[in-house]
Amino acid sequence: MTGVMEQSSTIPQDAAEQEVTACERTFRRYGLPLLIEDHSARRDVFGRAAPLLLVLLLLGLVGAVNLDWEPWQNVLAVVGGALVIAAAYALTNVMRGRRWSTLPQDVGWPELAFFVLAPAVPPLLAGWQWGTAISAVLGSLLVLGVVWLVVRYGVHATLWWGMRGAFGEFGSSLLRLIRFLPLLLIFSIALFYTTEVWQVFDHTPGMSDLVLGGFFGLLILAILRIRLSTETRLILAAADDGAEPAPPLTSSQLANVKTMISMSQLTQVLTVSLAVGLFFFALGTLTITPAVMDAWGVSGGSWSETLILGGEHLVVSQTLLRVSVALATFTGLYYAISVLTDALYRDDFIDDMSGKIRDVNTHRVRYAAALERLHAEREAMPGAG
């Protein structure tokens, strides 16, 4: 009889734990990890990213390579660096009271310091390469910053969620593209067959491509950021309309919601840009023949490949890729401006996002109730407190 009572008393707790786990999984799938109770960078950011950090740490062993050495010396340097890093990793685990080979789930300052400083060891052992060692440390700090930003705000989950619905988004985004950009598409096609455009991108330095790409990327993010607060407020209000009220959002949780909304818009812009870029790349491959390139005085850039299709010679070149990416970037920029100013798009987007937030709020209500029940049952357990 006692065993039956003990078993029945554990069932609600197990159900509450399962409910909490299911809701937390939903939050992460939507790219909203900060909705989880007691979210911490140690456990939920760097702890979840520990396998990735370990892989990057192992890849950092290439810093031990010295081009002035013989191959066998470089092999010894890499192996020696790996042994030193493995020994330091095991020592860190032992000092933290864990098994020496444990992959930490709770990553604190000792593990982060190890990740930052360990890549500097192989270059120093391989001939005191201070410049390489300092670059490795700065690179590790940059990686930690990116990991913290991406995992903390669920950017990777939001992008994955957006890519999973890429076909649906592609159709809706293409319809908006047709509605917004008919004149731009006609102008882009005319611009694509302009000699001067090909000549400019035929002689553009490689660094200019990166600078221009980064500039337009930042410009698109800035444009999408303009109405983010207003759209977030409208989406949250529409999600709360007629629904059971969810617990109020903290400032960090609200920032997480804004990040998710902005990344959803960015996914649509990327979808449109990718479609336009692929279109112009295919169009250029079929119509910009070697004879046309010779007539325009275009060499094709630093690389080109010749394809034979039906006896005709087609060229895939660096210049074609540059022109296609440039037109795709311009189209994405114009699309971002259009969705910012078009009332019909904003209404569609707000309706779509409010439905997702309404589902999130439903899980938040269940999550709060499950947590309260779980805490109460744990406090009522014999020996609690």
Protein backbone atom coordinates (compact mmCIF):
# COMPACT_ATOMS: atom_id res chain seq x y z
CA MET A 1 0.00 0.00 0.00
CA THR A 2 2.81 2.34 0.90
CA GLY A 3 4.58 1.59 -2.38
CA VAL A 4 1.38 2.45 -4.30
CA MET A 5 1.09 5.78 -2.43
CA GLU A 6 4.74 6.62 -3.09
CA GLN A 7 4.30 5.81 -6.77
CA SER A 8 1.17 7.94 -7.09
CA SER A 9 2.88 10.86 -5.37
CA THR A 10 5.66 10.86 -7.95
CA ILE A 11 3.35 10.89 -10.94
CA PRO A 12 2.29 14.59 -10.68
CA GLN A 13 5.89 15.66 -10.22
CA ASP A 14 6.95 13.67 -13.27
CA ALA A 15 4.08 15.19 -15.26
CA ALA A 16 5.08 18.69 -14.15
CA GLU A 17 8.70 18.07 -15.12
CA GLN A 18 7.63 16.79 -18.51
CA GLU A 19 5.43 19.85 -19.00
CA VAL A 20 8.31 22.17 -18.07
CA THR A 21 10.67 20.33 -20.42
CA ALA A 22 8.18 20.43 -23.30
CA CYS A 23 7.56 24.17 -22.87
CA GLU A 24 11.28 24.93 -22.69
CA ARG A 25 11.82 22.93 -25.86
CA THR A 26 9.13 25.01 -27.56
CA PHE A 27 10.76 28.26 -26.43
CA ARG A 28 14.10 27.17 -27.84
CA ARG A 29 12.50 26.04 -31.11
CA TYR A 30 10.96 29.49 -31.55
CA GLY A 31 14.32 31.13 -30.79
CA LEU A 32 13.20 32.45 -27.38
CA PRO A 33 15.53 30.77 -24.84
CA LEU A 34 15.35 33.72 -22.42
CA LEU A 35 11.74 32.74 -21.61
CA ILE A 36 13.19 29.81 -19.67
CA GLU A 37 13.31 30.29 -15.91
CA ASP A 38 16.76 30.94 -14.39
CA HIS A 39 18.37 31.21 -17.81
CA SER A 40 22.11 31.65 -17.34
CA ALA A 41 25.07 32.20 -19.65
CA ARG A 42 27.10 29.55 -17.81
CA ARG A 43 24.61 26.73 -18.39
CA ASP A 44 22.30 27.77 -21.24
CA VAL A 45 24.74 29.63 -23.48
CA PHE A 46 28.32 28.44 -23.09
CA GLY A 47 27.29 25.08 -21.62
CA ARG A 48 25.15 24.28 -24.68
CA ALA A 49 27.90 25.57 -26.97
CA ALA A 50 30.64 23.54 -25.24
CA PRO A 51 30.93 20.89 -28.03
CA LEU A 52 31.31 23.62 -30.65
CA LEU A 53 33.89 25.45 -28.55
CA LEU A 54 35.85 22.23 -28.12
CA VAL A 55 35.89 21.64 -31.89
CA LEU A 56 37.06 25.21 -32.51
CA LEU A 57 39.73 24.75 -29.87
CA LEU A 58 41.07 21.68 -31.65
CA LEU A 59 41.04 23.51 -34.98
CA GLY A 60 43.12 26.21 -33.35
CA LEU A 61 46.03 23.78 -33.24
CA VAL A 62 46.93 24.88 -36.75
CA GLY A 63 48.48 27.86 -35.02
CA ALA A 64 51.39 25.61 -34.20
CA VAL A 65 52.29 25.26 -37.88
CA ASN A 66 55.43 27.13 -38.94
CA LEU A 67 55.92 27.38 -42.71
CA ASP A 68 59.68 27.61 -42.28
CA TRP A 69 59.85 24.15 -40.64
CA GLU A 70 60.00 20.69 -42.08
CA PRO A 71 56.71 18.72 -42.24
CA TRP A 72 57.76 16.33 -39.46
CA GLN A 73 58.57 19.29 -37.22
CA ASN A 74 55.12 20.76 -37.79
CA VAL A 75 53.54 17.37 -37.01
CA LEU A 76 55.45 17.23 -33.73
CA ALA A 77 54.44 20.82 -32.92
CA VAL A 78 50.74 20.09 -33.52
CA VAL A 79 50.85 16.84 -31.53
CA GLY A 80 52.76 18.53 -28.72
CA GLY A 81 50.29 21.40 -28.63
CA ALA A 82 47.40 18.92 -28.54
CA LEU A 83 48.97 17.08 -25.60
CA VAL A 84 49.56 20.33 -23.70
CA ILE A 85 45.98 21.49 -24.31
CA ALA A 86 44.58 18.06 -23.34
CA ALA A 87 46.60 18.07 -20.12
CA ALA A 88 45.46 21.60 -19.26
CA TYR A 89 41.84 20.64 -20.06
CA ALA A 90 42.02 17.59 -17.79
CA LEU A 91 43.62 19.66 -15.02
CA THR A 92 40.87 22.28 -15.29
CA ASN A 93 38.21 19.58 -14.91
CA VAL A 94 39.95 18.07 -11.88
CA MET A 95 40.31 21.48 -10.23
CA ARG A 96 36.57 22.04 -10.79
CA GLY A 97 35.78 18.73 -9.09
CA ARG A 98 34.78 16.87 -12.25
CA ARG A 99 36.03 13.74 -13.99
CA TRP A 100 39.09 14.65 -16.08
CA SER A 101 37.41 13.80 -19.41
CA THR A 102 34.05 15.46 -18.68
CA LEU A 103 32.60 17.88 -21.23
CA PRO A 104 31.35 20.65 -18.91
CA GLN A 105 27.66 21.54 -18.88
CA ASP A 106 28.26 24.53 -16.60
CA VAL A 107 30.94 26.69 -18.19
CA GLY A 108 32.39 29.38 -15.93
CA TRP A 109 35.36 31.71 -16.02
CA PRO A 110 38.01 28.96 -15.70
CA GLU A 111 36.71 27.14 -18.80
CA LEU A 112 36.31 30.38 -20.75
CA ALA A 113 39.82 31.50 -19.82
CA PHE A 114 41.11 28.09 -20.94
CA PHE A 115 39.33 28.44 -24.29
CA VAL A 116 40.78 31.93 -24.84
CA LEU A 117 44.36 31.24 -23.75
CA ALA A 118 44.88 27.63 -24.91
CA PRO A 119 45.10 28.48 -28.67
CA ALA A 120 48.03 30.77 -27.87
CA VAL A 121 50.11 27.89 -26.47
CA PRO A 122 50.94 26.02 -29.74
CA PRO A 123 52.31 29.13 -31.54
CA LEU A 124 54.47 29.96 -28.53
CA LEU A 125 55.79 26.41 -28.37
CA ALA A 126 56.45 26.48 -32.11
CA GLY A 127 59.08 29.21 -32.03
CA TRP A 128 57.58 31.97 -29.88
CA GLN A 129 55.26 33.27 -32.56
CA TRP A 130 53.86 36.14 -30.50
CA GLY A 131 51.90 37.69 -33.35
CA THR A 132 50.10 34.41 -34.06
CA ALA A 133 49.49 33.83 -30.35
CA ILE A 134 47.92 37.29 -29.85
CA SER A 135 45.79 36.81 -32.98
CA ALA A 136 44.60 33.46 -31.60
CA VAL A 137 43.57 35.05 -28.31
CA LEU A 138 41.71 37.89 -30.04
CA GLY A 139 40.03 35.40 -32.36
CA SER A 140 38.90 33.31 -29.38
CA LEU A 141 37.42 36.39 -27.70
CA LEU A 142 35.55 37.24 -30.91
CA VAL A 143 34.21 33.67 -31.14
CA LEU A 144 32.97 33.81 -27.53
CA GLY A 145 31.23 37.11 -28.24
CA VAL A 146 29.48 35.72 -31.31
CA VAL A 147 28.50 32.51 -29.49
CA TRP A 148 27.11 34.50 -26.57
CA LEU A 149 25.03 36.71 -28.89
CA VAL A 150 23.77 33.90 -31.12
CA VAL A 151 22.94 31.33 -28.44
CA ARG A 152 21.67 33.76 -25.80
CA TYR A 153 19.09 35.28 -28.14
CA GLY A 154 18.35 32.08 -30.04
CA VAL A 155 19.44 33.52 -33.40
CA HIS A 156 20.49 30.08 -34.67
CA ALA A 157 17.13 28.59 -33.72
CA THR A 158 15.24 31.45 -35.37
CA LEU A 159 17.23 31.07 -38.58
CA TRP A 160 16.76 27.30 -38.56
CA TRP A 161 13.05 27.74 -37.91
CA GLY A 162 12.92 30.22 -40.81
CA MET A 163 14.86 27.90 -43.12
CA ARG A 164 12.55 24.99 -42.29
CA GLY A 165 9.68 27.08 -43.64
CA ALA A 166 11.81 28.37 -46.51
CA PHE A 167 9.48 27.06 -49.21
CA GLY A 168 6.46 28.75 -47.68
CA GLU A 169 8.44 31.93 -47.07
CA PHE A 170 9.85 31.74 -50.59
CA GLY A 171 6.38 31.72 -52.08
CA SER A 172 5.06 34.57 -49.93
CA SER A 173 8.27 36.56 -50.30
CA LEU A 174 8.20 36.10 -54.08
CA LEU A 175 4.61 37.31 -54.21
CA ARG A 176 5.59 40.39 -52.22
CA LEU A 177 8.57 40.83 -54.52
CA ILE A 178 6.30 40.81 -57.57
CA ARG A 179 3.98 43.31 -55.89
CA PHE A 180 6.72 45.61 -54.64
CA LEU A 181 9.47 45.46 -57.20
CA PRO A 182 8.22 45.28 -60.82
CA LEU A 183 10.02 48.45 -61.85
CA LEU A 184 13.16 47.46 -59.93
CA LEU A 185 13.27 44.04 -61.62
CA ILE A 186 12.95 45.61 -65.07
CA PHE A 187 15.64 48.10 -64.17
CA SER A 188 17.85 45.32 -62.75
CA ILE A 189 17.59 43.26 -65.93
CA ALA A 190 18.50 46.31 -68.01
CA LEU A 191 21.38 47.04 -65.65
CA PHE A 192 22.54 43.45 -65.86
CA TYR A 193 23.19 43.85 -69.59
CA THR A 194 25.07 47.12 -69.22
CA THR A 195 28.71 46.99 -70.31
CA GLU A 196 29.93 49.44 -67.68
CA VAL A 197 28.53 47.36 -64.81
CA TRP A 198 30.48 44.29 -65.94
CA GLN A 199 33.62 46.32 -66.51
CA VAL A 200 33.43 47.86 -63.03
CA PHE A 201 33.01 44.53 -61.25
CA ASP A 202 35.60 42.90 -63.51
CA HIS A 203 38.31 45.07 -61.92
CA THR A 204 36.96 45.40 -58.36
CA PRO A 205 39.51 44.37 -55.69
CA GLY A 206 38.57 41.41 -53.54
CA MET A 207 38.60 43.50 -50.36
CA SER A 208 36.06 45.89 -51.90
CA ASP A 209 33.62 42.99 -52.26
CA LEU A 210 33.80 42.32 -48.52
CA VAL A 211 33.54 45.99 -47.59
CA LEU A 212 30.56 46.62 -49.87
CA GLY A 213 28.84 43.42 -48.73
CA GLY A 214 29.32 44.33 -45.07
CA PHE A 215 28.11 47.89 -45.67
CA PHE A 216 24.90 46.83 -47.40
CA GLY A 217 24.33 44.11 -44.81
CA LEU A 218 24.55 46.65 -41.98
CA LEU A 219 22.32 49.03 -43.93
CA ILE A 220 19.63 46.35 -44.31
CA LEU A 221 19.82 45.57 -40.57
CA ALA A 222 19.51 49.28 -39.75
CA ILE A 223 16.44 49.61 -41.98
CA LEU A 224 14.75 46.60 -40.40
CA ARG A 225 15.54 48.04 -36.95
CA ILE A 226 13.68 51.31 -37.55
CA ARG A 227 10.15 50.06 -36.88
CA LEU A 228 11.10 47.06 -34.74
CA SER A 229 9.83 48.46 -31.44
CA THR A 230 6.53 49.57 -32.96
CA GLU A 231 5.96 46.27 -34.73
CA THR A 232 6.84 44.30 -31.60
CA ARG A 233 4.33 46.28 -29.58
CA LEU A 234 1.60 45.70 -32.20
CA ILE A 235 2.42 41.97 -32.43
CA LEU A 236 2.29 41.51 -28.65
CA ALA A 237 -0.99 43.43 -28.44
CA ALA A 238 -2.53 41.32 -31.22
CA ALA A 239 -1.29 38.12 -29.56
CA ASP A 240 -2.86 39.11 -26.22
CA ASP A 241 -6.22 40.02 -27.78
CA GLY A 242 -8.80 37.55 -26.47
CA ALA A 243 -6.18 35.16 -25.08
CA GLU A 244 -5.41 34.15 -21.53
CA PRO A 245 -2.92 36.73 -20.20
CA ALA A 246 0.65 35.46 -19.97
CA PRO A 247 3.18 36.58 -17.34
CA PRO A 248 4.73 39.97 -18.16
CA LEU A 249 7.97 39.95 -20.11
CA THR A 250 11.19 41.12 -18.50
CA SER A 251 13.45 43.53 -20.39
CA SER A 252 15.77 40.73 -21.52
CA GLN A 253 12.83 38.56 -22.62
CA LEU A 254 11.39 41.49 -24.59
CA ALA A 255 14.80 41.94 -26.26
CA ASN A 256 14.71 38.24 -27.17
CA VAL A 257 11.26 38.66 -28.75
CA LYS A 258 12.50 41.67 -30.75
CA THR A 259 15.49 39.65 -31.95
CA MET A 260 13.24 36.82 -33.07
CA ILE A 261 10.96 39.22 -34.98
CA SER A 262 13.86 41.01 -36.68
CA MET A 263 15.50 37.71 -37.65
CA SER A 264 12.20 36.56 -39.20
CA GLN A 265 12.15 39.68 -41.36
CA LEU A 266 15.81 39.22 -42.22
CA THR A 267 15.09 35.64 -43.33
CA GLN A 268 12.54 36.97 -45.82
CA VAL A 269 15.03 39.53 -47.16
CA LEU A 270 17.67 36.80 -47.53
CA THR A 271 15.17 34.56 -49.32
CA VAL A 272 14.37 37.27 -51.85
CA SER A 273 18.05 38.19 -52.33
CA LEU A 274 19.04 34.54 -52.83
CA ALA A 275 16.29 34.00 -55.40
CA VAL A 276 17.29 37.11 -57.36
CA GLY A 277 20.99 36.24 -57.18
CA LEU A 278 20.40 32.71 -58.49
CA PHE A 279 18.19 34.07 -61.27
CA PHE A 280 20.82 36.49 -62.54
CA PHE A 281 23.61 33.93 -62.15
CA ALA A 282 21.68 31.44 -64.32
CA LEU A 283 20.70 34.17 -66.77
CA GLY A 284 24.30 35.34 -67.10
CA THR A 285 25.61 31.81 -67.57
CA LEU A 286 23.21 31.23 -70.47
CA THR A 287 23.44 34.61 -72.21
CA ILE A 288 26.81 36.23 -71.40
CA THR A 289 28.89 34.11 -73.76
CA PRO A 290 32.67 34.35 -74.30
CA ALA A 291 31.99 36.41 -77.44
CA VAL A 292 29.94 38.93 -75.47
CA MET A 293 32.63 39.15 -72.79
CA ASP A 294 35.29 39.78 -75.45
CA ALA A 295 33.15 42.49 -77.03
CA TRP A 296 32.69 44.17 -73.66
CA GLY A 297 36.37 43.86 -72.76
CA VAL A 298 35.60 41.70 -69.71
CA SER A 299 38.16 39.10 -68.66
CA GLY A 300 35.99 37.31 -66.08
CA GLY A 301 38.01 38.18 -62.99
CA SER A 302 40.62 36.02 -61.32
CA TRP A 303 38.89 32.73 -62.24
CA SER A 304 36.48 31.38 -64.82
CA GLU A 305 35.17 28.00 -65.92
CA THR A 306 33.95 27.09 -69.39
CA LEU A 307 30.93 24.78 -69.71
CA ILE A 308 29.64 23.09 -72.86
CA LEU A 309 25.86 22.87 -73.27
CA GLY A 310 24.45 21.62 -76.58
CA GLY A 311 27.72 22.38 -78.32
CA GLU A 312 27.76 25.97 -77.06
CA HIS A 313 30.47 27.32 -74.76
CA LEU A 314 29.15 28.95 -71.58
CA VAL A 315 31.26 30.80 -69.02
CA VAL A 316 30.93 30.86 -65.23
CA SER A 317 33.26 33.54 -63.90
CA GLN A 318 34.10 35.61 -60.86
CA THR A 319 32.72 38.71 -62.57
CA LEU A 320 29.38 36.99 -63.20
CA LEU A 321 29.23 36.02 -59.54
CA ARG A 322 30.05 39.58 -58.45
CA VAL A 323 27.42 41.15 -60.70
CA SER A 324 24.77 38.64 -59.57
CA VAL A 325 25.55 39.22 -55.89
CA ALA A 326 25.53 43.00 -56.39
CA LEU A 327 22.08 42.99 -58.02
CA ALA A 328 20.79 40.56 -55.38
CA THR A 329 22.08 42.87 -52.64
CA PHE A 330 20.46 45.93 -54.22
CA THR A 331 17.19 44.03 -54.55
CA GLY A 332 17.37 42.92 -50.91
CA LEU A 333 17.98 46.51 -49.82
CA TYR A 334 15.03 47.77 -51.81
CA TYR A 335 12.87 44.93 -50.50
CA ALA A 336 13.79 45.84 -46.92
CA ILE A 337 12.76 49.45 -47.59
CA SER A 338 9.53 48.32 -49.25
CA VAL A 339 8.44 46.07 -46.38
CA LEU A 340 9.18 48.96 -44.02
CA THR A 341 6.85 51.35 -45.85
CA ASP A 342 4.16 49.03 -47.23
CA ALA A 343 1.11 48.89 -44.95
CA LEU A 344 -0.28 45.70 -46.51
CA TYR A 345 2.95 43.81 -45.86
CA ARG A 346 3.11 45.03 -42.26
CA ASP A 347 -0.45 43.85 -41.64
CA ASP A 348 0.36 40.40 -43.10
CA PHE A 349 3.57 40.16 -41.12
CA ILE A 350 1.94 41.27 -37.86
CA ASP A 351 -0.89 38.75 -38.30
CA ASP A 352 1.61 35.95 -38.99
CA MET A 353 3.91 36.80 -36.08
CA SER A 354 1.07 37.42 -33.62
CA GLY A 355 -0.16 33.86 -34.27
CA LYS A 356 3.29 32.53 -33.37
CA ILE A 357 3.52 34.72 -30.27
CA ARG A 358 0.02 33.63 -29.25
CA ASP A 359 1.21 30.02 -29.33
CA VAL A 360 4.28 31.01 -27.31
CA ASN A 361 2.06 32.77 -24.74
CA THR A 362 -0.09 29.66 -24.42
CA HIS A 363 3.04 27.69 -23.56
CA ARG A 364 4.16 30.45 -21.16
CA VAL A 365 0.89 30.13 -19.22
CA ARG A 366 1.30 26.34 -19.05
CA TYR A 367 4.97 26.77 -18.17
CA ALA A 368 4.25 29.10 -15.25
CA ALA A 369 1.58 26.77 -13.90
CA ALA A 370 3.82 23.72 -14.25
CA LEU A 371 6.70 25.49 -12.52
CA GLU A 372 4.48 26.57 -9.63
CA ARG A 373 3.15 23.04 -9.24
CA LEU A 374 6.65 21.57 -9.47
CA HIS A 375 8.07 23.95 -6.85
CA ALA A 376 5.14 23.27 -4.50
CA GLU A 377 5.55 19.51 -4.82
CA ARG A 378 9.31 19.73 -4.20
CA GLU A 379 8.78 21.82 -1.11
CA ALA A 380 6.22 19.29 0.14
CA MET A 381 8.62 16.36 -0.28
CA PRO A 382 10.01 14.86 2.95
CA GLY A 383 13.33 16.45 3.84
CA ALA A 384 12.79 19.53 1.64
CA GLY A 385 14.05 22.84 3.06
